[in-house]
Amino acid sequence: MSKRSNLLYLGDMFDHARRAHERVAGVSRDEFMRDEDLQIVVMHHVRIVGEAASRLSSDIRDAHPEIPWVDIIGMRHVIVHDYFKIKVNVLWETATERIPDLIAALEKFVPRDPPA
């Protein structure tokens, strides 16, 4: 296990989930499907969310079954290892429909007043 704390990984997940969602705010599905640069940016943030999730202790993941850890980590694996299987429509649905739920679930881990 890394020396980084679970709280830091959860913070990374929260930050990058928010960034991915912010990038698609106000963007239509058609615009997203045509904008390869935007797809790459969203993919990058989703990959980091999955990487951070994979580094969390199993105790944290087991204690929060409401978070779809397997799906999150699995999407990271597809982006990194099976890039040829990436479905842009699934990436869109993840960023617009699933990530808002993840952000809400992760908010309870993020301190209201983070240290300076």
PDB file of N, CA and C in Angstrom:
ATOM      1  N   MET A   1       0.838  -1.184   0.000  1.00  0.00           N
ATOM      2  CA  MET A   1       0.000   0.000   0.000  1.00  0.00           C
ATOM      3  C   MET A   1       0.882   1.246   0.000  1.00  0.00           C
ATOM      4  N   SER A   2       0.476   2.194  -0.734  1.00  0.00           N
ATOM      5  CA  SER A   2       1.214   3.448  -0.816  1.00  0.00           C
ATOM      6  C   SER A   2       1.186   4.169   0.527  1.00  0.00           C
ATOM      7  N   LYS A   3       2.134   5.058   0.707  1.00  0.00           N
ATOM      8  CA  LYS A   3       2.180   5.854   1.924  1.00  0.00           C
ATOM      9  C   LYS A   3       1.173   7.002   1.880  1.00  0.00           C
ATOM     10  N   ARG A   4       0.598   7.259   0.718  1.00  0.00           N
ATOM     11  CA  ARG A   4      -0.450   8.278   0.634  1.00  0.00           C
ATOM     12  C   ARG A   4      -1.656   7.777   1.407  1.00  0.00           C
ATOM     13  N   SER A   5      -2.375   8.671   2.014  1.00  0.00           N
ATOM     14  CA  SER A   5      -3.525   8.257   2.804  1.00  0.00           C
ATOM     15  C   SER A   5      -4.762   8.073   1.926  1.00  0.00           C
ATOM     16  N   ASN A   6      -5.684   7.289   2.452  1.00  0.00           N
ATOM     17  CA  ASN A   6      -6.956   7.102   1.761  1.00  0.00           C
ATOM     18  C   ASN A   6      -7.642   8.438   1.512  1.00  0.00           C
ATOM     19  N   LEU A   7      -7.538   9.352   2.465  1.00  0.00           N
ATOM     20  CA  LEU A   7      -8.182  10.651   2.319  1.00  0.00           C
ATOM     21  C   LEU A   7      -7.652  11.405   1.098  1.00  0.00           C
ATOM     22  N   LEU A   8      -6.363  11.297   0.832  1.00  0.00           N
ATOM     23  CA  LEU A   8      -5.798  11.960  -0.349  1.00  0.00           C
ATOM     24  C   LEU A   8      -6.319  11.332  -1.636  1.00  0.00           C
ATOM     25  N   TYR A   9      -6.413  10.007  -1.665  1.00  0.00           N
ATOM     26  CA  TYR A   9      -6.965   9.353  -2.860  1.00  0.00           C
ATOM     27  C   TYR A   9      -8.435   9.715  -3.055  1.00  0.00           C
ATOM     28  N   LEU A  10      -9.187   9.757  -1.969  1.00  0.00           N
ATOM     29  CA  LEU A  10     -10.589  10.156  -2.069  1.00  0.00           C
ATOM     30  C   LEU A  10     -10.697  11.594  -2.556  1.00  0.00           C
ATOM     31  N   GLY A  11      -9.790  12.453  -2.093  1.00  0.00           N
ATOM     32  CA  GLY A  11      -9.760  13.837  -2.573  1.00  0.00           C
ATOM     33  C   GLY A  11      -9.437  13.923  -4.054  1.00  0.00           C
ATOM     34  N   ASP A  12      -8.506  13.088  -4.504  1.00  0.00           N
ATOM     35  CA  ASP A  12      -8.186  13.042  -5.944  1.00  0.00           C
ATOM     36  C   ASP A  12      -9.413  12.605  -6.742  1.00  0.00           C
ATOM     37  N   MET A  13     -10.093  11.591  -6.242  1.00  0.00           N
ATOM     38  CA  MET A  13     -11.301  11.119  -6.930  1.00  0.00           C
ATOM     39  C   MET A  13     -12.325  12.242  -7.029  1.00  0.00           C
ATOM     40  N   PHE A  14     -12.555  12.914  -5.916  1.00  0.00           N
ATOM     41  CA  PHE A  14     -13.531  13.994  -5.867  1.00  0.00           C
ATOM     42  C   PHE A  14     -13.155  15.116  -6.832  1.00  0.00           C
ATOM     43  N   ASP A  15     -11.914  15.564  -6.766  1.00  0.00           N
ATOM     44  CA  ASP A  15     -11.463  16.664  -7.625  1.00  0.00           C
ATOM     45  C   ASP A  15     -11.576  16.324  -9.104  1.00  0.00           C
ATOM     46  N   HIS A  16     -11.117  15.142  -9.487  1.00  0.00           N
ATOM     47  CA  HIS A  16     -11.118  14.794 -10.909  1.00  0.00           C
ATOM     48  C   HIS A  16     -12.511  14.422 -11.408  1.00  0.00           C
ATOM     49  N   ALA A  17     -13.345  13.895 -10.548  1.00  0.00           N
ATOM     50  CA  ALA A  17     -14.743  13.661 -10.936  1.00  0.00           C
ATOM     51  C   ALA A  17     -15.418  15.006 -11.217  1.00  0.00           C
ATOM     52  N   ARG A  18     -15.185  15.972 -10.347  1.00  0.00           N
ATOM     53  CA  ARG A  18     -15.755  17.307 -10.568  1.00  0.00           C
ATOM     54  C   ARG A  18     -15.233  17.924 -11.856  1.00  0.00           C
ATOM     55  N   ARG A  19     -13.951  17.790 -12.098  1.00  0.00           N
ATOM     56  CA  ARG A  19     -13.373  18.360 -13.323  1.00  0.00           C
ATOM     57  C   ARG A  19     -13.975  17.724 -14.572  1.00  0.00           C
ATOM     58  N   ALA A  20     -14.143  16.416 -14.553  1.00  0.00           N
ATOM     59  CA  ALA A  20     -14.744  15.731 -15.707  1.00  0.00           C
ATOM     60  C   ALA A  20     -16.162  16.230 -15.930  1.00  0.00           C
ATOM     61  N   HIS A  21     -16.917  16.322 -14.845  1.00  0.00           N
ATOM     62  CA  HIS A  21     -18.304  16.764 -14.976  1.00  0.00           C
ATOM     63  C   HIS A  21     -18.386  18.225 -15.422  1.00  0.00           C
ATOM     64  N   GLU A  22     -17.526  19.065 -14.893  1.00  0.00           N
ATOM     65  CA  GLU A  22     -17.518  20.472 -15.292  1.00  0.00           C
ATOM     66  C   GLU A  22     -17.213  20.637 -16.772  1.00  0.00           C
ATOM     67  N   ARG A  23     -16.365  19.770 -17.307  1.00  0.00           N
ATOM     68  CA  ARG A  23     -15.992  19.885 -18.725  1.00  0.00           C
ATOM     69  C   ARG A  23     -17.158  19.597 -19.662  1.00  0.00           C
ATOM     70  N   VAL A  24     -18.130  18.801 -19.215  1.00  0.00           N
ATOM     71  CA  VAL A  24     -19.269  18.476 -20.080  1.00  0.00           C
ATOM     72  C   VAL A  24     -20.499  19.322 -19.772  1.00  0.00           C
ATOM     73  N   ALA A  25     -20.422  20.140 -18.730  1.00  0.00           N
ATOM     74  CA  ALA A  25     -21.550  21.004 -18.391  1.00  0.00           C
ATOM     75  C   ALA A  25     -21.845  21.947 -19.552  1.00  0.00           C
ATOM     76  N   GLY A  26     -23.081  21.970 -19.975  1.00  0.00           N
ATOM     77  CA  GLY A  26     -23.482  22.847 -21.070  1.00  0.00           C
ATOM     78  C   GLY A  26     -23.119  22.345 -22.452  1.00  0.00           C
ATOM     79  N   VAL A  27     -22.568  21.140 -22.531  1.00  0.00           N
ATOM     80  CA  VAL A  27     -22.178  20.551 -23.816  1.00  0.00           C
ATOM     81  C   VAL A  27     -23.226  19.504 -24.188  1.00  0.00           C
ATOM     82  N   SER A  28     -23.683  19.541 -25.413  1.00  0.00           N
ATOM     83  CA  SER A  28     -24.651  18.529 -25.844  1.00  0.00           C
ATOM     84  C   SER A  28     -23.929  17.218 -26.165  1.00  0.00           C
ATOM     85  N   ARG A  29     -24.689  16.151 -26.179  1.00  0.00           N
ATOM     86  CA  ARG A  29     -24.123  14.841 -26.536  1.00  0.00           C
ATOM     87  C   ARG A  29     -23.491  14.898 -27.925  1.00  0.00           C
ATOM     88  N   ASP A  30     -24.180  15.535 -28.877  1.00  0.00           N
ATOM     89  CA  ASP A  30     -23.646  15.634 -30.246  1.00  0.00           C
ATOM     90  C   ASP A  30     -22.329  16.406 -30.280  1.00  0.00           C
ATOM     91  N   GLU A  31     -22.265  17.498 -29.523  1.00  0.00           N
ATOM     92  CA  GLU A  31     -21.023  18.273 -29.472  1.00  0.00           C
ATOM     93  C   GLU A  31     -19.895  17.420 -28.893  1.00  0.00           C
ATOM     94  N   PHE A  32     -20.202  16.685 -27.834  1.00  0.00           N
ATOM     95  CA  PHE A  32     -19.201  15.822 -27.218  1.00  0.00           C
ATOM     96  C   PHE A  32     -18.712  14.763 -28.198  1.00  0.00           C
ATOM     97  N   MET A  33     -19.624  14.170 -28.936  1.00  0.00           N
ATOM     98  CA  MET A  33     -19.258  13.110 -29.887  1.00  0.00           C
ATOM     99  C   MET A  33     -18.356  13.630 -31.000  1.00  0.00           C
ATOM    100  N   ARG A  34     -18.457  14.915 -31.306  1.00  0.00           N
ATOM    101  CA  ARG A  34     -17.634  15.504 -32.375  1.00  0.00           C
ATOM    102  C   ARG A  34     -16.327  16.091 -31.869  1.00  0.00           C
ATOM    103  N   ASP A  35     -16.180  16.251 -30.563  1.00  0.00           N
ATOM    104  CA  ASP A  35     -15.020  16.961 -30.010  1.00  0.00           C
ATOM    105  C   ASP A  35     -14.033  15.970 -29.376  1.00  0.00           C
ATOM    106  N   GLU A  36     -13.093  15.518 -30.186  1.00  0.00           N
ATOM    107  CA  GLU A  36     -12.121  14.532 -29.711  1.00  0.00           C
ATOM    108  C   GLU A  36     -11.251  15.087 -28.582  1.00  0.00           C
ATOM    109  N   ASP A  37     -10.914  16.360 -28.650  1.00  0.00           N
ATOM    110  CA  ASP A  37     -10.107  16.948 -27.580  1.00  0.00           C
ATOM    111  C   ASP A  37     -10.847  16.904 -26.246  1.00  0.00           C
ATOM    112  N   LEU A  38     -12.126  17.222 -26.251  1.00  0.00           N
ATOM    113  CA  LEU A  38     -12.922  17.164 -25.030  1.00  0.00           C
ATOM    114  C   LEU A  38     -13.023  15.724 -24.528  1.00  0.00           C
ATOM    115  N   GLN A  39     -13.191  14.788 -25.424  1.00  0.00           N
ATOM    116  CA  GLN A  39     -13.237  13.374 -25.034  1.00  0.00           C
ATOM    117  C   GLN A  39     -11.946  12.966 -24.326  1.00  0.00           C
ATOM    118  N   ILE A  40     -10.826  13.411 -24.859  1.00  0.00           N
ATOM    119  CA  ILE A  40      -9.530  13.062 -24.267  1.00  0.00           C
ATOM    120  C   ILE A  40      -9.390  13.665 -22.872  1.00  0.00           C
ATOM    121  N   VAL A  41      -9.819  14.902 -22.707  1.00  0.00           N
ATOM    122  CA  VAL A  41      -9.741  15.547 -21.393  1.00  0.00           C
ATOM    123  C   VAL A  41     -10.607  14.792 -20.379  1.00  0.00           C
ATOM    124  N   VAL A  42     -11.829  14.481 -20.758  1.00  0.00           N
ATOM    125  CA  VAL A  42     -12.732  13.759 -19.856  1.00  0.00           C
ATOM    126  C   VAL A  42     -12.155  12.379 -19.547  1.00  0.00           C
ATOM    127  N   MET A  43     -11.618  11.705 -20.558  1.00  0.00           N
ATOM    128  CA  MET A  43     -10.989  10.395 -20.352  1.00  0.00           C
ATOM    129  C   MET A  43      -9.857  10.486 -19.331  1.00  0.00           C
ATOM    130  N   HIS A  44      -9.072  11.527 -19.430  1.00  0.00           N
ATOM    131  CA  HIS A  44      -7.955  11.721 -18.500  1.00  0.00           C
ATOM    132  C   HIS A  44      -8.467  11.808 -17.057  1.00  0.00           C
ATOM    133  N   HIS A  45      -9.479  12.618 -16.842  1.00  0.00           N
ATOM    134  CA  HIS A  45     -10.019  12.768 -15.487  1.00  0.00           C
ATOM    135  C   HIS A  45     -10.654  11.463 -14.989  1.00  0.00           C
ATOM    136  N   VAL A  46     -11.375  10.779 -15.846  1.00  0.00           N
ATOM    137  CA  VAL A  46     -11.995   9.506 -15.466  1.00  0.00           C
ATOM    138  C   VAL A  46     -10.915   8.475 -15.140  1.00  0.00           C
ATOM    139  N   ARG A  47      -9.836   8.486 -15.883  1.00  0.00           N
ATOM    140  CA  ARG A  47      -8.723   7.560 -15.615  1.00  0.00           C
ATOM    141  C   ARG A  47      -8.138   7.817 -14.234  1.00  0.00           C
ATOM    142  N   ILE A  48      -7.947   9.078 -13.889  1.00  0.00           N
ATOM    143  CA  ILE A  48      -7.393   9.397 -12.576  1.00  0.00           C
ATOM    144  C   ILE A  48      -8.355   8.985 -11.466  1.00  0.00           C
ATOM    145  N   VAL A  49      -9.649   9.185 -11.665  1.00  0.00           N
ATOM    146  CA  VAL A  49     -10.637   8.733 -10.681  1.00  0.00           C
ATOM    147  C   VAL A  49     -10.474   7.234 -10.450  1.00  0.00           C
ATOM    148  N   GLY A  50     -10.351   6.469 -11.530  1.00  0.00           N
ATOM    149  CA  GLY A  50     -10.200   5.017 -11.416  1.00  0.00           C
ATOM    150  C   GLY A  50      -8.884   4.604 -10.784  1.00  0.00           C
ATOM    151  N   GLU A  51      -7.826   5.308 -11.111  1.00  0.00           N
ATOM    152  CA  GLU A  51      -6.519   4.987 -10.532  1.00  0.00           C
ATOM    153  C   GLU A  51      -6.532   5.244  -9.031  1.00  0.00           C
ATOM    154  N   ALA A  52      -7.076   6.379  -8.627  1.00  0.00           N
ATOM    155  CA  ALA A  52      -7.158   6.693  -7.194  1.00  0.00           C
ATOM    156  C   ALA A  52      -8.026   5.664  -6.473  1.00  0.00           C
ATOM    157  N   ALA A  53      -9.130   5.269  -7.082  1.00  0.00           N
ATOM    158  CA  ALA A  53     -10.007   4.257  -6.469  1.00  0.00           C
ATOM    159  C   ALA A  53      -9.271   2.938  -6.277  1.00  0.00           C
ATOM    160  N   SER A  54      -8.439   2.588  -7.249  1.00  0.00           N
ATOM    161  CA  SER A  54      -7.722   1.312  -7.166  1.00  0.00           C
ATOM    162  C   SER A  54      -6.675   1.315  -6.063  1.00  0.00           C
ATOM    163  N   ARG A  55      -6.258   2.490  -5.628  1.00  0.00           N
ATOM    164  CA  ARG A  55      -5.226   2.592  -4.599  1.00  0.00           C
ATOM    165  C   ARG A  55      -5.789   2.726  -3.186  1.00  0.00           C
ATOM    166  N   LEU A  56      -7.104   2.843  -3.083  1.00  0.00           N
ATOM    167  CA  LEU A  56      -7.729   2.892  -1.765  1.00  0.00           C
ATOM    168  C   LEU A  56      -7.611   1.548  -1.070  1.00  0.00           C
ATOM    169  N   SER A  57      -7.609   1.590   0.237  1.00  0.00           N
ATOM    170  CA  SER A  57      -7.576   0.330   0.985  1.00  0.00           C
ATOM    171  C   SER A  57      -8.890  -0.422   0.763  1.00  0.00           C
ATOM    172  N   SER A  58      -8.808  -1.723   0.846  1.00  0.00           N
ATOM    173  CA  SER A  58     -10.021  -2.533   0.696  1.00  0.00           C
ATOM    174  C   SER A  58     -10.997  -2.244   1.835  1.00  0.00           C
ATOM    175  N   ASP A  59     -10.489  -1.820   2.986  1.00  0.00           N
ATOM    176  CA  ASP A  59     -11.370  -1.465   4.111  1.00  0.00           C
ATOM    177  C   ASP A  59     -12.302  -0.315   3.733  1.00  0.00           C
ATOM    178  N   ILE A  60     -11.762   0.693   3.066  1.00  0.00           N
ATOM    179  CA  ILE A  60     -12.583   1.833   2.634  1.00  0.00           C
ATOM    180  C   ILE A  60     -13.597   1.378   1.599  1.00  0.00           C
ATOM    181  N   ARG A  61     -13.148   0.636   0.608  1.00  0.00           N
ATOM    182  CA  ARG A  61     -14.071   0.178  -0.437  1.00  0.00           C
ATOM    183  C   ARG A  61     -15.152  -0.720   0.144  1.00  0.00           C
ATOM    184  N   ASP A  62     -14.778  -1.623   1.040  1.00  0.00           N
ATOM    185  CA  ASP A  62     -15.758  -2.528   1.648  1.00  0.00           C
ATOM    186  C   ASP A  62     -16.765  -1.771   2.509  1.00  0.00           C
ATOM    187  N   ALA A  63     -16.325  -0.700   3.144  1.00  0.00           N
ATOM    188  CA  ALA A  63     -17.197   0.073   4.027  1.00  0.00           C
ATOM    189  C   ALA A  63     -18.193   0.948   3.263  1.00  0.00           C
ATOM    190  N   HIS A  64     -17.985   1.092   1.941  1.00  0.00           N
ATOM    191  CA  HIS A  64     -18.845   1.971   1.143  1.00  0.00           C
ATOM    192  C   HIS A  64     -19.317   1.268  -0.129  1.00  0.00           C
ATOM    193  N   PRO A  65     -20.153   0.257   0.036  1.00  0.00           N
ATOM    194  CA  PRO A  65     -20.628  -0.490  -1.131  1.00  0.00           C
ATOM    195  C   PRO A  65     -21.558   0.331  -2.037  1.00  0.00           C
ATOM    196  N   GLU A  66     -21.996   1.497  -1.567  1.00  0.00           N
ATOM    197  CA  GLU A  66     -22.844   2.355  -2.395  1.00  0.00           C
ATOM    198  C   GLU A  66     -22.070   2.972  -3.561  1.00  0.00           C
ATOM    199  N   ILE A  67     -20.758   2.925  -3.482  1.00  0.00           N
ATOM    200  CA  ILE A  67     -19.912   3.448  -4.558  1.00  0.00           C
ATOM    201  C   ILE A  67     -19.513   2.272  -5.447  1.00  0.00           C
ATOM    202  N   PRO A  68     -19.731   2.386  -6.752  1.00  0.00           N
ATOM    203  CA  PRO A  68     -19.453   1.264  -7.670  1.00  0.00           C
ATOM    204  C   PRO A  68     -17.957   1.122  -7.989  1.00  0.00           C
ATOM    205  N   TRP A  69     -17.201   0.680  -6.997  1.00  0.00           N
ATOM    206  CA  TRP A  69     -15.741   0.597  -7.119  1.00  0.00           C
ATOM    207  C   TRP A  69     -15.300  -0.237  -8.314  1.00  0.00           C
ATOM    208  N   VAL A  70     -15.922  -1.382  -8.501  1.00  0.00           N
ATOM    209  CA  VAL A  70     -15.527  -2.279  -9.600  1.00  0.00           C
ATOM    210  C   VAL A  70     -15.711  -1.586 -10.945  1.00  0.00           C
ATOM    211  N   ASP A  71     -16.815  -0.890 -11.118  1.00  0.00           N
ATOM    212  CA  ASP A  71     -17.070  -0.178 -12.376  1.00  0.00           C
ATOM    213  C   ASP A  71     -16.065   0.952 -12.587  1.00  0.00           C
ATOM    214  N   ILE A  72     -15.778   1.681 -11.519  1.00  0.00           N
ATOM    215  CA  ILE A  72     -14.850   2.820 -11.605  1.00  0.00           C
ATOM    216  C   ILE A  72     -13.456   2.332 -11.994  1.00  0.00           C
ATOM    217  N   ILE A  73     -12.991   1.306 -11.308  1.00  0.00           N
ATOM    218  CA  ILE A  73     -11.655   0.767 -11.590  1.00  0.00           C
ATOM    219  C   ILE A  73     -11.642   0.083 -12.954  1.00  0.00           C
ATOM    220  N   GLY A  74     -12.729  -0.575 -13.293  1.00  0.00           N
ATOM    221  CA  GLY A  74     -12.823  -1.237 -14.595  1.00  0.00           C
ATOM    222  C   GLY A  74     -12.754  -0.263 -15.747  1.00  0.00           C
ATOM    223  N   MET A  75     -13.378   0.897 -15.590  1.00  0.00           N
ATOM    224  CA  MET A  75     -13.316   1.888 -16.665  1.00  0.00           C
ATOM    225  C   MET A  75     -11.887   2.392 -16.837  1.00  0.00           C
ATOM    226  N   ARG A  76     -11.178   2.563 -15.741  1.00  0.00           N
ATOM    227  CA  ARG A  76      -9.774   2.964 -15.821  1.00  0.00           C
ATOM    228  C   ARG A  76      -8.972   1.926 -16.585  1.00  0.00           C
ATOM    229  N   HIS A  77      -9.224   0.649 -16.321  1.00  0.00           N
ATOM    230  CA  HIS A  77      -8.506  -0.415 -17.025  1.00  0.00           C
ATOM    231  C   HIS A  77      -8.781  -0.378 -18.531  1.00  0.00           C
ATOM    232  N   VAL A  78     -10.021  -0.130 -18.895  1.00  0.00           N
ATOM    233  CA  VAL A  78     -10.345  -0.040 -20.325  1.00  0.00           C
ATOM    234  C   VAL A  78      -9.598   1.131 -20.958  1.00  0.00           C
ATOM    235  N   ILE A  79      -9.620   2.291 -20.299  1.00  0.00           N
ATOM    236  CA  ILE A  79      -8.950   3.476 -20.856  1.00  0.00           C
ATOM    237  C   ILE A  79      -7.454   3.227 -21.024  1.00  0.00           C
ATOM    238  N   VAL A  80      -6.838   2.593 -20.047  1.00  0.00           N
ATOM    239  CA  VAL A  80      -5.386   2.411 -20.071  1.00  0.00           C
ATOM    240  C   VAL A  80      -4.958   1.209 -20.899  1.00  0.00           C
ATOM    241  N   HIS A  81      -5.635   0.091 -20.738  1.00  0.00           N
ATOM    242  CA  HIS A  81      -5.162  -1.157 -21.341  1.00  0.00           C
ATOM    243  C   HIS A  81      -5.938  -1.606 -22.575  1.00  0.00           C
ATOM    244  N   ASP A  82      -7.205  -1.270 -22.627  1.00  0.00           N
ATOM    245  CA  ASP A  82      -8.047  -1.702 -23.747  1.00  0.00           C
ATOM    246  C   ASP A  82      -8.615  -0.495 -24.478  1.00  0.00           C
ATOM    247  N   TYR A  83      -7.756   0.508 -24.681  1.00  0.00           N
ATOM    248  CA  TYR A  83      -8.164   1.777 -25.268  1.00  0.00           C
ATOM    249  C   TYR A  83      -8.972   1.603 -26.556  1.00  0.00           C
ATOM    250  N   PHE A  84      -8.738   0.537 -27.272  1.00  0.00           N
ATOM    251  CA  PHE A  84      -9.451   0.295 -28.527  1.00  0.00           C
ATOM    252  C   PHE A  84     -10.897  -0.121 -28.279  1.00  0.00           C
ATOM    253  N   LYS A  85     -11.249  -0.394 -27.028  1.00  0.00           N
ATOM    254  CA  LYS A  85     -12.623  -0.766 -26.677  1.00  0.00           C
ATOM    255  C   LYS A  85     -13.412   0.405 -26.093  1.00  0.00           C
ATOM    256  N   ILE A  86     -12.797   1.576 -26.014  1.00  0.00           N
ATOM    257  CA  ILE A  86     -13.486   2.725 -25.426  1.00  0.00           C
ATOM    258  C   ILE A  86     -14.680   3.083 -26.299  1.00  0.00           C
ATOM    259  N   LYS A  87     -15.822   3.231 -25.636  1.00  0.00           N
ATOM    260  CA  LYS A  87     -17.047   3.644 -26.322  1.00  0.00           C
ATOM    261  C   LYS A  87     -17.349   5.064 -25.866  1.00  0.00           C
ATOM    262  N   VAL A  88     -17.324   5.976 -26.802  1.00  0.00           N
ATOM    263  CA  VAL A  88     -17.483   7.386 -26.469  1.00  0.00           C
ATOM    264  C   VAL A  88     -18.849   7.638 -25.841  1.00  0.00           C
ATOM    265  N   ASN A  89     -19.868   6.913 -26.271  1.00  0.00           N
ATOM    266  CA  ASN A  89     -21.186   7.111 -25.661  1.00  0.00           C
ATOM    267  C   ASN A  89     -21.190   6.690 -24.189  1.00  0.00           C
ATOM    268  N   VAL A  90     -20.405   5.671 -23.816  1.00  0.00           N
ATOM    269  CA  VAL A  90     -20.294   5.265 -22.417  1.00  0.00           C
ATOM    270  C   VAL A  90     -19.534   6.326 -21.629  1.00  0.00           C
ATOM    271  N   LEU A  91     -18.519   6.904 -22.226  1.00  0.00           N
ATOM    272  CA  LEU A  91     -17.777   7.984 -21.578  1.00  0.00           C
ATOM    273  C   LEU A  91     -18.715   9.170 -21.316  1.00  0.00           C
ATOM    274  N   TRP A  92     -19.544   9.502 -22.299  1.00  0.00           N
ATOM    275  CA  TRP A  92     -20.524  10.590 -22.141  1.00  0.00           C
ATOM    276  C   TRP A  92     -21.488  10.287 -20.992  1.00  0.00           C
ATOM    277  N   GLU A  93     -22.039   9.094 -20.984  1.00  0.00           N
ATOM    278  CA  GLU A  93     -22.985   8.714 -19.931  1.00  0.00           C
ATOM    279  C   GLU A  93     -22.316   8.726 -18.559  1.00  0.00           C
ATOM    280  N   THR A  94     -21.072   8.307 -18.512  1.00  0.00           N
ATOM    281  CA  THR A  94     -20.333   8.332 -17.248  1.00  0.00           C
ATOM    282  C   THR A  94     -20.191   9.765 -16.755  1.00  0.00           C
ATOM    283  N   ALA A  95     -19.746  10.657 -17.623  1.00  0.00           N
ATOM    284  CA  ALA A  95     -19.492  12.047 -17.228  1.00  0.00           C
ATOM    285  C   ALA A  95     -20.764  12.805 -16.885  1.00  0.00           C
ATOM    286  N   THR A  96     -21.847  12.500 -17.555  1.00  0.00           N
ATOM    287  CA  THR A  96     -23.067  13.286 -17.362  1.00  0.00           C
ATOM    288  C   THR A  96     -24.059  12.655 -16.391  1.00  0.00           C
ATOM    289  N   GLU A  97     -24.055  11.329 -16.274  1.00  0.00           N
ATOM    290  CA  GLU A  97     -25.071  10.656 -15.455  1.00  0.00           C
ATOM    291  C   GLU A  97     -24.514   9.982 -14.204  1.00  0.00           C
ATOM    292  N   ARG A  98     -23.360   9.358 -14.320  1.00  0.00           N
ATOM    293  CA  ARG A  98     -22.839   8.587 -13.193  1.00  0.00           C
ATOM    294  C   ARG A  98     -21.915   9.390 -12.282  1.00  0.00           C
ATOM    295  N   ILE A  99     -21.146  10.270 -12.872  1.00  0.00           N
ATOM    296  CA  ILE A  99     -20.203  11.051 -12.065  1.00  0.00           C
ATOM    297  C   ILE A  99     -20.911  11.978 -11.070  1.00  0.00           C
ATOM    298  N   PRO A 100     -22.038  12.602 -11.415  1.00  0.00           N
ATOM    299  CA  PRO A 100     -22.704  13.416 -10.387  1.00  0.00           C
ATOM    300  C   PRO A 100     -23.056  12.610  -9.118  1.00  0.00           C
ATOM    301  N   ASP A 101     -23.475  11.366  -9.288  1.00  0.00           N
ATOM    302  CA  ASP A 101     -23.761  10.517  -8.126  1.00  0.00           C
ATOM    303  C   ASP A 101     -22.481  10.208  -7.353  1.00  0.00           C
ATOM    304  N   LEU A 102     -21.391   9.988  -8.063  1.00  0.00           N
ATOM    305  CA  LEU A 102     -20.112   9.727  -7.410  1.00  0.00           C
ATOM    306  C   LEU A 102     -19.656  10.957  -6.626  1.00  0.00           C
ATOM    307  N   ILE A 103     -19.784  12.122  -7.215  1.00  0.00           N
ATOM    308  CA  ILE A 103     -19.398  13.356  -6.529  1.00  0.00           C
ATOM    309  C   ILE A 103     -20.193  13.490  -5.231  1.00  0.00           C
ATOM    310  N   ALA A 104     -21.489  13.258  -5.296  1.00  0.00           N
ATOM    311  CA  ALA A 104     -22.329  13.357  -4.102  1.00  0.00           C
ATOM    312  C   ALA A 104     -21.884  12.356  -3.037  1.00  0.00           C
ATOM    313  N   ALA A 105     -21.535  11.143  -3.447  1.00  0.00           N
ATOM    314  CA  ALA A 105     -21.086  10.122  -2.495  1.00  0.00           C
ATOM    315  C   ALA A 105     -19.734  10.481  -1.883  1.00  0.00           C
ATOM    316  N   LEU A 106     -18.867  11.098  -2.675  1.00  0.00           N
ATOM    317  CA  LEU A 106     -17.525  11.436  -2.188  1.00  0.00           C
ATOM    318  C   LEU A 106     -17.502  12.697  -1.330  1.00  0.00           C
ATOM    319  N   GLU A 107     -18.527  13.524  -1.431  1.00  0.00           N
ATOM    320  CA  GLU A 107     -18.543  14.774  -0.667  1.00  0.00           C
ATOM    321  C   GLU A 107     -18.407  14.540   0.831  1.00  0.00           C
ATOM    322  N   LYS A 108     -18.912  13.423   1.315  1.00  0.00           N
ATOM    323  CA  LYS A 108     -18.836  13.166   2.761  1.00  0.00           C
ATOM    324  C   LYS A 108     -17.410  12.911   3.234  1.00  0.00           C
ATOM    325  N   PHE A 109     -16.494  12.608   2.318  1.00  0.00           N
ATOM    326  CA  PHE A 109     -15.101  12.361   2.678  1.00  0.00           C
ATOM    327  C   PHE A 109     -14.239  13.617   2.648  1.00  0.00           C
ATOM    328  N   VAL A 110     -14.723  14.620   1.944  1.00  0.00           N
ATOM    329  CA  VAL A 110     -13.923  15.822   1.715  1.00  0.00           C
ATOM    330  C   VAL A 110     -14.182  16.832   2.826  1.00  0.00           C
ATOM    331  N   PRO A 111     -13.147  17.277   3.515  1.00  0.00           N
ATOM    332  CA  PRO A 111     -13.348  18.264   4.576  1.00  0.00           C
ATOM    333  C   PRO A 111     -13.932  19.558   4.027  1.00  0.00           C
ATOM    334  N   ARG A 112     -14.843  20.132   4.771  1.00  0.00           N
ATOM    335  CA  ARG A 112     -15.458  21.402   4.358  1.00  0.00           C
ATOM    336  C   ARG A 112     -14.426  22.518   4.264  1.00  0.00           C
ATOM    337  N   ASP A 113     -13.497  22.528   5.222  1.00  0.00           N
ATOM    338  CA  ASP A 113     -12.444  23.532   5.245  1.00  0.00           C
ATOM    339  C   ASP A 113     -11.104  22.818   5.160  1.00  0.00           C
ATOM    340  N   PRO A 114     -10.663  22.490   3.912  1.00  0.00           N
ATOM    341  CA  PRO A 114      -9.383  21.794   3.787  1.00  0.00           C
ATOM    342  C   PRO A 114      -8.239  22.644   4.330  1.00  0.00           C
ATOM    343  N   PRO A 115      -7.205  21.975   4.834  1.00  0.00           N
ATOM    344  CA  PRO A 115      -6.059  22.737   5.336  1.00  0.00           C
ATOM    345  C   PRO A 115      -5.405  23.559   4.242  1.00  0.00           C
ATOM    346  N   ALA A 116      -4.865  24.686   4.621  1.00  0.00           N
ATOM    347  CA  ALA A 116      -4.226  25.601   3.646  1.00  0.00           C
ATOM    348  C   ALA A 116      -2.886  25.086   3.216  1.00  0.00           C
TER     349      ALA A 116
END
